[in-house]
C-alpha atoms as a PDB file:
ATOM      1  CA  MET A   1      -4.286 -19.226 -10.778  1.00  0.00           C
ATOM      2  CA  PRO A   2      -0.982 -17.700 -11.513  1.00  0.00           C
ATOM      3  CA  ASN A   3       1.766 -20.128 -12.346  1.00  0.00           C
ATOM      4  CA  LEU A   4       4.629 -18.784 -10.194  1.00  0.00           C
ATOM      5  CA  GLN A   5       7.860 -20.354 -11.035  1.00  0.00           C
ATOM      6  CA  ARG A   6      10.599 -20.563  -8.480  1.00  0.00           C
ATOM      7  CA  THR A   7      14.107 -19.835  -9.208  1.00  0.00           C
ATOM      8  CA  PRO A   8      17.243 -20.536  -7.048  1.00  0.00           C
ATOM      9  CA  LEU A   9      16.934 -17.087  -5.549  1.00  0.00           C
ATOM     10  CA  LEU A  10      13.154 -17.464  -5.081  1.00  0.00           C
ATOM     11  CA  LEU A  11      12.440 -19.596  -1.956  1.00  0.00           C
ATOM     12  CA  ALA A  12       8.813 -19.211  -1.345  1.00  0.00           C
ATOM     13  CA  VAL A  13       5.858 -18.746   0.789  1.00  0.00           C
ATOM     14  CA  ALA A  14       3.645 -15.800   0.085  1.00  0.00           C
ATOM     15  CA  GLY A  15       1.095 -14.766  -2.188  1.00  0.00           C
ATOM     16  CA  LEU A  16      -2.510 -14.259  -2.780  1.00  0.00           C
ATOM     17  CA  GLY A  17      -4.442 -15.414  -5.755  1.00  0.00           C
ATOM     18  CA  LEU A  18      -6.389 -14.228  -8.595  1.00  0.00           C
ATOM     19  CA  SER A  19      -6.707 -14.240 -12.229  1.00  0.00           C
ATOM     20  CA  LEU A  20      -8.662 -11.316 -13.100  1.00  0.00           C
ATOM     21  CA  ALA A  21      -8.590  -8.710 -10.731  1.00  0.00           C
ATOM     22  CA  ALA A  22      -6.258  -8.719  -7.894  1.00  0.00           C
ATOM     23  CA  PRO A  23      -3.389  -8.878  -5.946  1.00  0.00           C
ATOM     24  CA  VAL A  24       0.128  -8.055  -5.919  1.00  0.00           C
ATOM     25  CA  ARG A  25       1.256  -5.100  -4.123  1.00  0.00           C
ATOM     26  CA  ALA A  26      -0.913  -2.417  -5.709  1.00  0.00           C
ATOM     27  CA  ALA A  27      -2.418   0.785  -4.611  1.00  0.00           C
ATOM     28  CA  GLU A  28      -4.072  -1.051  -1.752  1.00  0.00           C
ATOM     29  CA  GLY A  29      -0.691  -2.249  -0.430  1.00  0.00           C
ATOM     30  CA  THR A  30      -1.858  -5.849  -0.320  1.00  0.00           C
ATOM     31  CA  GLN A  31      -0.176  -8.638  -2.233  1.00  0.00           C
ATOM     32  CA  ALA A  32      -1.911 -11.081  -4.507  1.00  0.00           C
ATOM     33  CA  TRP A  33      -1.226 -13.448  -7.180  1.00  0.00           C
ATOM     34  CA  GLY A  34      -3.758 -12.661  -9.796  1.00  0.00           C
ATOM     35  CA  GLY A  35      -6.103 -14.973 -11.524  1.00  0.00           C
ATOM     36  CA  HIS A  36      -5.179 -18.235 -10.041  1.00  0.00           C
ATOM     37  CA  ALA A  37      -2.987 -19.021  -7.137  1.00  0.00           C
ATOM     38  CA  PRO A  38       0.704 -19.578  -7.595  1.00  0.00           C
ATOM     39  CA  THR A  39       1.515 -23.142  -8.420  1.00  0.00           C
ATOM     40  CA  PRO A  40       3.802 -24.832  -5.895  1.00  0.00           C
ATOM     41  CA  SER A  41       6.482 -27.163  -6.999  1.00  0.00           C
ATOM     42  CA  GLY A  42       5.314 -30.787  -7.113  1.00  0.00           C
ATOM     43  CA  PRO A  43       1.721 -32.074  -7.728  1.00  0.00           C
ATOM     44  CA  THR A  44      -1.061 -29.695  -7.098  1.00  0.00           C
ATOM     45  CA  LYS A  45      -4.447 -30.658  -5.887  1.00  0.00           C
ATOM     46  CA  VAL A  46      -7.095 -30.208  -8.602  1.00  0.00           C
ATOM     47  CA  SER A  47     -10.538 -29.208  -7.283  1.00  0.00           C
ATOM     48  CA  MET A  48     -13.697 -30.682  -8.778  1.00  0.00           C
ATOM     49  CA  LEU A  49     -15.643 -28.159 -10.804  1.00  0.00           C
ATOM     50  CA  SER A  50     -19.460 -28.245 -10.798  1.00  0.00           C
ATOM     51  CA  PRO A  51     -21.012 -29.318 -14.092  1.00  0.00           C
ATOM     52  CA  LEU A  52     -22.550 -26.164 -15.428  1.00  0.00           C
ATOM     53  CA  PRO A  53     -24.712 -25.178 -18.465  1.00  0.00           C
ATOM     54  CA  ALA A  54     -22.976 -23.113 -21.179  1.00  0.00           C
ATOM     55  CA  PRO A  55     -22.548 -19.571 -19.846  1.00  0.00           C
ATOM     56  CA  PRO A  56     -24.457 -16.610 -21.392  1.00  0.00           C
ATOM     57  CA  ARG A  57     -22.367 -14.697 -23.891  1.00  0.00           C
ATOM     58  CA  VAL A  58     -22.856 -11.582 -21.639  1.00  0.00           C
ATOM     59  CA  PHE A  59     -23.317 -11.618 -17.846  1.00  0.00           C
ATOM     60  CA  ALA A  60     -25.580  -8.917 -16.376  1.00  0.00           C
ATOM     61  CA  ILE A  61     -23.820  -6.771 -13.902  1.00  0.00           C
ATOM     62  CA  THR A  62     -26.086  -6.293 -10.900  1.00  0.00           C
ATOM     63  CA  PRO A  63     -24.996  -4.346  -7.765  1.00  0.00           C
ATOM     64  CA  GLU A  64     -24.590  -7.819  -6.067  1.00  0.00           C
ATOM     65  CA  ARG A  65     -22.158  -9.038  -8.840  1.00  0.00           C
ATOM     66  CA  ARG A  66     -20.392  -5.790  -8.997  1.00  0.00           C
ATOM     67  CA  ALA A  67     -19.820  -5.861  -5.175  1.00  0.00           C
ATOM     68  CA  LEU A  68     -18.368  -9.292  -5.550  1.00  0.00           C
ATOM     69  CA  LEU A  69     -16.046  -8.280  -8.384  1.00  0.00           C
ATOM     70  CA  ASN A  70     -14.922  -5.267  -6.419  1.00  0.00           C
ATOM     71  CA  THR A  71     -14.306  -7.572  -3.402  1.00  0.00           C
ATOM     72  CA  ILE A  72     -12.099  -9.907  -5.542  1.00  0.00           C
ATOM     73  CA  ARG A  73     -10.075  -6.829  -6.511  1.00  0.00           C
ATOM     74  CA  TYR A  74      -9.786  -5.786  -2.915  1.00  0.00           C
ATOM     75  CA  ALA A  75      -8.622  -9.235  -1.950  1.00  0.00           C
ATOM     76  CA  GLU A  76      -6.172  -9.363  -4.787  1.00  0.00           C
ATOM     77  CA  GLY A  77      -4.707  -5.984  -4.326  1.00  0.00           C
ATOM     78  CA  THR A  78      -5.983  -4.324  -7.460  1.00  0.00           C
ATOM     79  CA  TRP A  79      -8.931  -2.444  -6.068  1.00  0.00           C
ATOM     80  CA  ALA A  80      -7.128   0.987  -6.413  1.00  0.00           C
ATOM     81  CA  ASN A  81     -10.032   2.739  -4.781  1.00  0.00           C
ATOM     82  CA  GLY A  82     -12.204   1.650  -7.714  1.00  0.00           C
ATOM     83  CA  GLN A  83     -10.099   3.463 -10.245  1.00  0.00           C
ATOM     84  CA  PRO A  84      -9.742   2.059 -13.822  1.00  0.00           C
ATOM     85  CA  ILE A  85      -5.935   1.748 -13.308  1.00  0.00           C
ATOM     86  CA  GLY A  86      -6.687  -1.513 -11.376  1.00  0.00           C
ATOM     87  CA  TYR A  87      -7.360  -3.128 -14.819  1.00  0.00           C
ATOM     88  CA  ARG A  88      -3.771  -2.403 -15.854  1.00  0.00           C
ATOM     89  CA  ILE A  89      -1.900  -3.958 -12.930  1.00  0.00           C
ATOM     90  CA  LEU A  90       0.772  -6.645 -13.619  1.00  0.00           C
ATOM     91  CA  PHE A  91       1.921  -9.166 -11.087  1.00  0.00           C
ATOM     92  CA  GLY A  92       4.220  -7.342  -8.670  1.00  0.00           C
ATOM     93  CA  GLY A  93       2.320  -4.082  -8.932  1.00  0.00           C
ATOM     94  CA  SER A  94       3.690  -2.371 -12.071  1.00  0.00           C
ATOM     95  CA  LEU A  95       1.444  -1.288 -14.894  1.00  0.00           C
ATOM     96  CA  PHE A  96       1.005  -2.094 -18.579  1.00  0.00           C
ATOM     97  CA  ASP A  97      -0.353   0.230 -21.261  1.00  0.00           C
ATOM     98  CA  SER A  98      -2.412  -1.487 -23.907  1.00  0.00           C
ATOM     99  CA  LEU A  99      -5.673  -3.157 -23.176  1.00  0.00           C
ATOM    100  CA  GLU A 100      -5.955  -4.665 -26.631  1.00  0.00           C
ATOM    101  CA  ARG A 101      -4.768  -8.048 -25.401  1.00  0.00           C
ATOM    102  CA  HIS A 102      -3.390  -9.859 -22.307  1.00  0.00           C
ATOM    103  CA  PRO A 103       0.220  -8.591 -21.957  1.00  0.00           C
ATOM    104  CA  ASN A 104       1.591 -12.049 -21.308  1.00  0.00           C
ATOM    105  CA  ARG A 105       4.596 -10.608 -19.663  1.00  0.00           C
ATOM    106  CA  VAL A 106       6.418 -12.465 -16.891  1.00  0.00           C
ATOM    107  CA  MET A 107       7.178 -10.285 -13.875  1.00  0.00           C
ATOM    108  CA  ARG A 108       9.454 -11.151 -11.004  1.00  0.00           C
ATOM    109  CA  THR A 109       9.419 -10.298  -7.411  1.00  0.00           C
ATOM    110  CA  ALA A 110      12.026 -11.346  -4.768  1.00  0.00           C
ATOM    111  CA  ARG A 111      10.323 -14.741  -4.492  1.00  0.00           C
ATOM    112  CA  TYR A 112       8.112 -15.474  -7.446  1.00  0.00           C
ATOM    113  CA  ALA A 113       7.652 -14.929 -11.214  1.00  0.00           C
ATOM    114  CA  SER A 114       4.160 -14.777 -12.725  1.00  0.00           C
ATOM    115  CA  ALA A 115       2.486 -13.422 -15.930  1.00  0.00           C
ATOM    116  CA  ALA A 116      -0.775 -12.674 -14.008  1.00  0.00           C
ATOM    117  CA  ALA A 117      -2.325  -9.358 -15.255  1.00  0.00           C
ATOM    118  CA  GLY A 118      -5.366  -7.259 -14.906  1.00  0.00           C
ATOM    119  CA  ALA A 119      -7.912  -6.442 -12.171  1.00  0.00           C
ATOM    120  CA  TYR A 120      -8.452 -10.073 -11.517  1.00  0.00           C
ATOM    121  CA  GLN A 121      -4.912 -11.108 -12.213  1.00  0.00           C
ATOM    122  CA  PHE A 122      -5.607 -13.487 -15.122  1.00  0.00           C
ATOM    123  CA  MET A 123      -2.878 -15.848 -16.128  1.00  0.00           C
ATOM    124  CA  PRO A 124      -2.362 -16.151 -19.876  1.00  0.00           C
ATOM    125  CA  PHE A 125      -3.704 -19.658 -20.080  1.00  0.00           C
ATOM    126  CA  THR A 126      -6.782 -18.800 -17.991  1.00  0.00           C
ATOM    127  CA  TRP A 127      -7.421 -15.809 -20.208  1.00  0.00           C
ATOM    128  CA  ASP A 128      -7.164 -17.918 -23.375  1.00  0.00           C
ATOM    129  CA  MET A 129      -9.693 -20.330 -21.936  1.00  0.00           C
ATOM    130  CA  VAL A 130     -12.079 -17.651 -21.052  1.00  0.00           C
ATOM    131  CA  THR A 131     -11.829 -15.725 -24.315  1.00  0.00           C
ATOM    132  CA  ARG A 132     -12.574 -18.972 -26.300  1.00  0.00           C
ATOM    133  CA  ALA A 133     -15.637 -19.540 -24.092  1.00  0.00           C
ATOM    134  CA  LEU A 134     -17.033 -16.038 -24.274  1.00  0.00           C
ATOM    135  CA  GLY A 135     -15.675 -14.812 -27.643  1.00  0.00           C
ATOM    136  CA  ILE A 136     -13.867 -11.817 -25.992  1.00  0.00           C
ATOM    137  CA  ALA A 137     -11.544  -9.961 -28.291  1.00  0.00           C
ATOM    138  CA  ASP A 138      -9.818  -7.446 -26.001  1.00  0.00           C
ATOM    139  CA  PHE A 139      -8.452  -6.994 -22.539  1.00  0.00           C
ATOM    140  CA  GLY A 140     -10.600  -4.008 -21.531  1.00  0.00           C
ATOM    141  CA  PRO A 141     -12.352  -3.483 -18.256  1.00  0.00           C
ATOM    142  CA  GLU A 142     -15.706  -4.880 -19.469  1.00  0.00           C
ATOM    143  CA  SER A 143     -14.052  -7.985 -20.925  1.00  0.00           C
ATOM    144  CA  GLN A 144     -12.165  -8.552 -17.698  1.00  0.00           C
ATOM    145  CA  ASP A 145     -15.432  -8.142 -15.650  1.00  0.00           C
ATOM    146  CA  GLN A 146     -17.131 -10.714 -17.956  1.00  0.00           C
ATOM    147  CA  ALA A 147     -14.270 -13.102 -17.576  1.00  0.00           C
ATOM    148  CA  ALA A 148     -14.291 -12.880 -13.843  1.00  0.00           C
ATOM    149  CA  LEU A 149     -17.930 -13.625 -13.763  1.00  0.00           C
ATOM    150  CA  PHE A 150     -17.406 -16.655 -15.996  1.00  0.00           C
ATOM    151  CA  LEU A 151     -14.884 -17.909 -13.512  1.00  0.00           C
ATOM    152  CA  VAL A 152     -17.285 -17.447 -10.640  1.00  0.00           C
ATOM    153  CA  GLN A 153     -19.946 -19.292 -12.604  1.00  0.00           C
ATOM    154  CA  ARG A 154     -17.399 -22.068 -13.453  1.00  0.00           C
ATOM    155  CA  ARG A 155     -16.870 -22.572  -9.733  1.00  0.00           C
ATOM    156  CA  GLY A 156     -20.616 -22.969  -9.239  1.00  0.00           C
ATOM    157  CA  ALA A 157     -20.847 -19.742  -7.188  1.00  0.00           C
ATOM    158  CA  LEU A 158     -22.844 -17.284  -9.249  1.00  0.00           C
ATOM    159  CA  HIS A 159     -26.145 -18.174  -7.733  1.00  0.00           C
ATOM    160  CA  LEU A 160     -24.608 -17.594  -4.327  1.00  0.00           C
ATOM    161  CA  ALA A 161     -23.235 -14.231  -5.394  1.00  0.00           C
ATOM    162  CA  ASP A 162     -26.629 -13.123  -6.644  1.00  0.00           C
ATOM    163  CA  ARG A 163     -28.066 -13.524  -3.041  1.00  0.00           C
ATOM    164  CA  GLY A 164     -26.155 -10.449  -1.918  1.00  0.00           C
ATOM    165  CA  GLU A 165     -24.232 -12.029   1.012  1.00  0.00           C
ATOM    166  CA  LEU A 166     -20.613 -13.069   1.166  1.00  0.00           C
ATOM    167  CA  THR A 167     -20.863 -16.412   2.882  1.00  0.00           C
ATOM    168  CA  PRO A 168     -18.191 -18.831   3.934  1.00  0.00           C
ATOM    169  CA  ASP A 169     -19.470 -21.182   1.273  1.00  0.00           C
ATOM    170  CA  LEU A 170     -19.193 -18.521  -1.514  1.00  0.00           C
ATOM    171  CA  ALA A 171     -15.718 -17.603  -0.389  1.00  0.00           C
ATOM    172  CA  ALA A 172     -14.611 -21.247  -0.285  1.00  0.00           C
ATOM    173  CA  ARG A 173     -15.839 -21.926  -3.781  1.00  0.00           C
ATOM    174  CA  LEU A 174     -13.825 -19.054  -5.059  1.00  0.00           C
ATOM    175  CA  ALA A 175     -10.707 -19.995  -3.050  1.00  0.00           C
ATOM    176  CA  PRO A 176      -9.416 -22.369  -5.816  1.00  0.00           C
ATOM    177  CA  GLU A 177      -9.719 -19.545  -8.373  1.00  0.00           C
ATOM    178  CA  TRP A 178      -8.337 -16.694  -6.154  1.00  0.00           C
ATOM    179  CA  ALA A 179      -5.847 -17.656  -3.575  1.00  0.00           C
ATOM    180  CA  SER A 180      -6.437 -14.553  -1.461  1.00  0.00           C
ATOM    181  CA  PHE A 181     -10.010 -16.043  -0.575  1.00  0.00           C
ATOM    182  CA  PRO A 182     -10.246 -18.356   2.364  1.00  0.00           C
ATOM    183  CA  THR A 183     -11.396 -21.900   2.342  1.00  0.00           C
ATOM    184  CA  LEU A 184     -13.946 -23.089   5.052  1.00  0.00           C
ATOM    185  CA  ALA A 185     -10.898 -23.745   7.275  1.00  0.00           C
ATOM    186  CA  GLY A 186      -9.889 -20.046   6.872  1.00  0.00           C
ATOM    187  CA  ARG A 187      -6.702 -20.874   4.918  1.00  0.00           C
ATOM    188  CA  SER A 188      -5.664 -20.231   1.328  1.00  0.00           C
ATOM    189  CA  PHE A 189      -6.423 -23.112  -0.990  1.00  0.00           C
ATOM    190  CA  TYR A 190      -2.811 -22.913  -2.198  1.00  0.00           C
ATOM    191  CA  GLY A 191      -1.082 -22.276   1.211  1.00  0.00           C
ATOM    192  CA  GLN A 192      -0.584 -18.636   0.473  1.00  0.00           C
ATOM    193  CA  PRO A 193      -1.347 -15.552   2.548  1.00  0.00           C
ATOM    194  CA  VAL A 194      -5.085 -15.071   2.676  1.00  0.00           C
ATOM    195  CA  LYS A 195      -7.589 -12.375   3.589  1.00  0.00           C
ATOM    196  CA  ARG A 196      -9.724 -12.925   6.523  1.00  0.00           C
ATOM    197  CA  LEU A 197     -13.476 -13.617   5.818  1.00  0.00           C
ATOM    198  CA  ASN A 198     -14.516 -10.830   8.133  1.00  0.00           C
ATOM    199  CA  ASP A 199     -12.504  -8.253   6.251  1.00  0.00           C
ATOM    200  CA  LEU A 200     -13.799  -9.441   2.866  1.00  0.00           C
ATOM    201  CA  ARG A 201     -17.379  -9.417   4.131  1.00  0.00           C
ATOM    202  CA  ARG A 202     -16.963  -5.929   5.646  1.00  0.00           C
ATOM    203  CA  PHE A 203     -15.668  -4.567   2.408  1.00  0.00           C
ATOM    204  CA  TYR A 204     -18.366  -6.349   0.365  1.00  0.00           C
ATOM    205  CA  GLU A 205     -21.278  -5.224   2.546  1.00  0.00           C
ATOM    206  CA  GLU A 206     -20.102  -1.531   2.546  1.00  0.00           C
ATOM    207  CA  ASN A 207     -19.542  -1.681  -1.230  1.00  0.00           C
ATOM    208  CA  LEU A 208     -22.846  -3.306  -1.942  1.00  0.00           C
ATOM    209  CA  ALA A 209     -24.814  -0.784   0.187  1.00  0.00           C
ATOM    210  CA  GLN A 210     -23.178   2.013  -1.785  1.00  0.00           C
ATOM    211  CA  LEU A 211     -23.950   0.402  -5.096  1.00  0.00           C
ATOM    212  CA  ARG A 212     -27.645  -0.212  -4.142  1.00  0.00           C
ATOM    213  CA  ASN A 213     -27.935   3.402  -3.049  1.00  0.00           C
ATOM    214  CA  GLU A 214     -26.485   4.635  -6.323  1.00  0.00           C
ATOM    215  CA  THR A 215     -28.810   2.384  -8.287  1.00  0.00           C
ATOM    216  CA  ALA A 216     -31.833   3.591  -6.350  1.00  0.00           C
ATOM    217  CA  ALA A 217     -30.798   7.210  -6.984  1.00  0.00           C
ATOM    218  CA  VAL A 218     -30.527   6.595 -10.663  1.00  0.00           C
ATOM    219  CA  TRP A 219     -34.083   5.094 -10.886  1.00  0.00           C
ATOM    220  CA  GLU A 220     -35.393   7.978  -8.792  1.00  0.00           C
ATOM    221  CA  ASN A 221     -33.874  10.421 -11.263  1.00  0.00           C
ATOM    222  CA  VAL A 222     -35.475   8.473 -14.098  1.00  0.00           C
ATOM    223  CA  ALA A 223     -38.814   8.527 -12.423  1.00  0.00           C
ATOM    224  CA  ILE A 224     -38.642  12.303 -11.912  1.00  0.00           C
ATOM    225  CA  ARG A 225     -37.652  12.962 -15.557  1.00  0.00           C
ATOM    226  CA  GLN A 226     -40.517  10.854 -16.781  1.00  0.00           C
ATOM    227  CA  ALA A 227     -43.264  12.388 -14.459  1.00  0.00           C
ATOM    228  CA  PRO A 228     -45.677  14.709 -16.292  1.00  0.00           C
ATOM    229  CA  PRO A 229     -44.882  18.405 -15.622  1.00  0.00           C
ATOM    230  CA  ALA A 230     -46.980  20.195 -13.066  1.00  0.00           C
ATOM    231  CA  CYS A 231     -49.884  22.077 -14.586  1.00  0.00           C
ATOM    232  CA  SER A 232     -49.719  25.900 -14.736  1.00  0.00           C
ATOM    233  CA  ASP A 233     -52.891  27.878 -14.744  1.00  0.00           C
ATOM    234  CA  THR A 234     -51.669  29.900 -17.608  1.00  0.00           C
ATOM    235  CA  SER A 235     -50.455  27.055 -19.827  1.00  0.00           C
ATOM    236  CA  LEU A 236     -52.525  26.124 -22.922  1.00  0.00           C
ATOM    237  CA  SER A 237     -52.285  22.410 -22.137  1.00  0.00           C
ATOM    238  CA  CYS A 238     -53.770  22.945 -18.653  1.00  0.00           C
ATOM    239  CA  GLN A 239     -56.581  25.085 -19.958  1.00  0.00           C
ATOM    240  CA  LEU A 240     -57.426  22.374 -22.607  1.00  0.00           C
ATOM    241  CA  GLU A 241     -57.375  19.775 -19.805  1.00  0.00           C
ATOM    242  CA  ARG A 242     -59.858  21.777 -17.758  1.00  0.00           C
ATOM    243  CA  VAL A 243     -62.038  22.296 -20.828  1.00  0.00           C
ATOM    244  CA  SER A 244     -61.886  18.675 -21.737  1.00  0.00           C
ATOM    245  CA  GLY A 245     -62.638  17.621 -18.087  1.00  0.00           C
ATOM    246  CA  SER A 246     -65.618  19.894 -17.803  1.00  0.00           C
ATOM    247  CA  ALA A 247     -66.964  18.721 -21.156  1.00  0.00           C
ATOM    248  CA  THR A 248     -66.853  14.981 -20.096  1.00  0.00           C
ATOM    249  CA  ALA A 249     -68.092  15.597 -16.510  1.00  0.00           C
ATOM    250  CA  PRO A 250     -71.668  14.120 -15.876  1.00  0.00           C
END
C-alpha cells in the first residue's frame, strides 16, 4: 500500500489503493494510490495474512486471472483502456520511461506524496519484497502481472479468483492490498475513496466474457489449422487413399 506522507500543505482524505496496477488520476480519470493504500498518520491496523505455501515461480495467466488483474487496474486508475502505457504510470498520473526497475520516485499531489508506480501501483518496499520472493529482475509488464498475482495469493484470494466470479469476499480480501477495493462493509480498508462492488463486478464480468471469447477463438483457429485438408479427387494423396481403402476392404 502506498506510503503517502503528509506535509503541512497536505491535509488529507482521498485516495484509492494499489501497489501494482492502479490508481491515481490516469487515463481512466479515477484516482488511486497504487500498490498499497496510503498510510495515515498514527498507528495502522495490520491485517492477518493467511499462511500460504511458497508461491510458484511463475503464475499461469488464465482468463479469470487476467480479468481480475484488469479489474485491479480499473479500480486503481491505470486501466488506460488496456494499453501498455498503464504499466508506466506513477502516483499522480504522470509517466516514467524505463521498465528496467521500479522508478522509486516520490510524486506529490495537492494532498499526498507517494512513490507508488506501475499498473498495480507498487510501493518500492512492496516491490522489493515481491522481487525477492519471485526472483523478478525487471519492472516490465509480465513482471508486474506476476507480482500482482503474488499479492493476490498472499491475501489468500487466488483460489477465489480462479472461480471466475468477483464476490464480496474476494474484494474484501484484496482491500488491504488495494485501497480502491471495498471491504465487506463497502468501505476502503484505509478510509480512502473506494470503488463500488457493483461497478467492479460489472467491469470484471464484461472483461472476463471478452477474454473467454478471445481464448475460444484462438483454440478454434488452432483446430482449423490442424484439421486434415479436404480431399480433392485429382490429388495424388486422395487417389492413394482410395486405392488403399479398396485394397483393405473385405
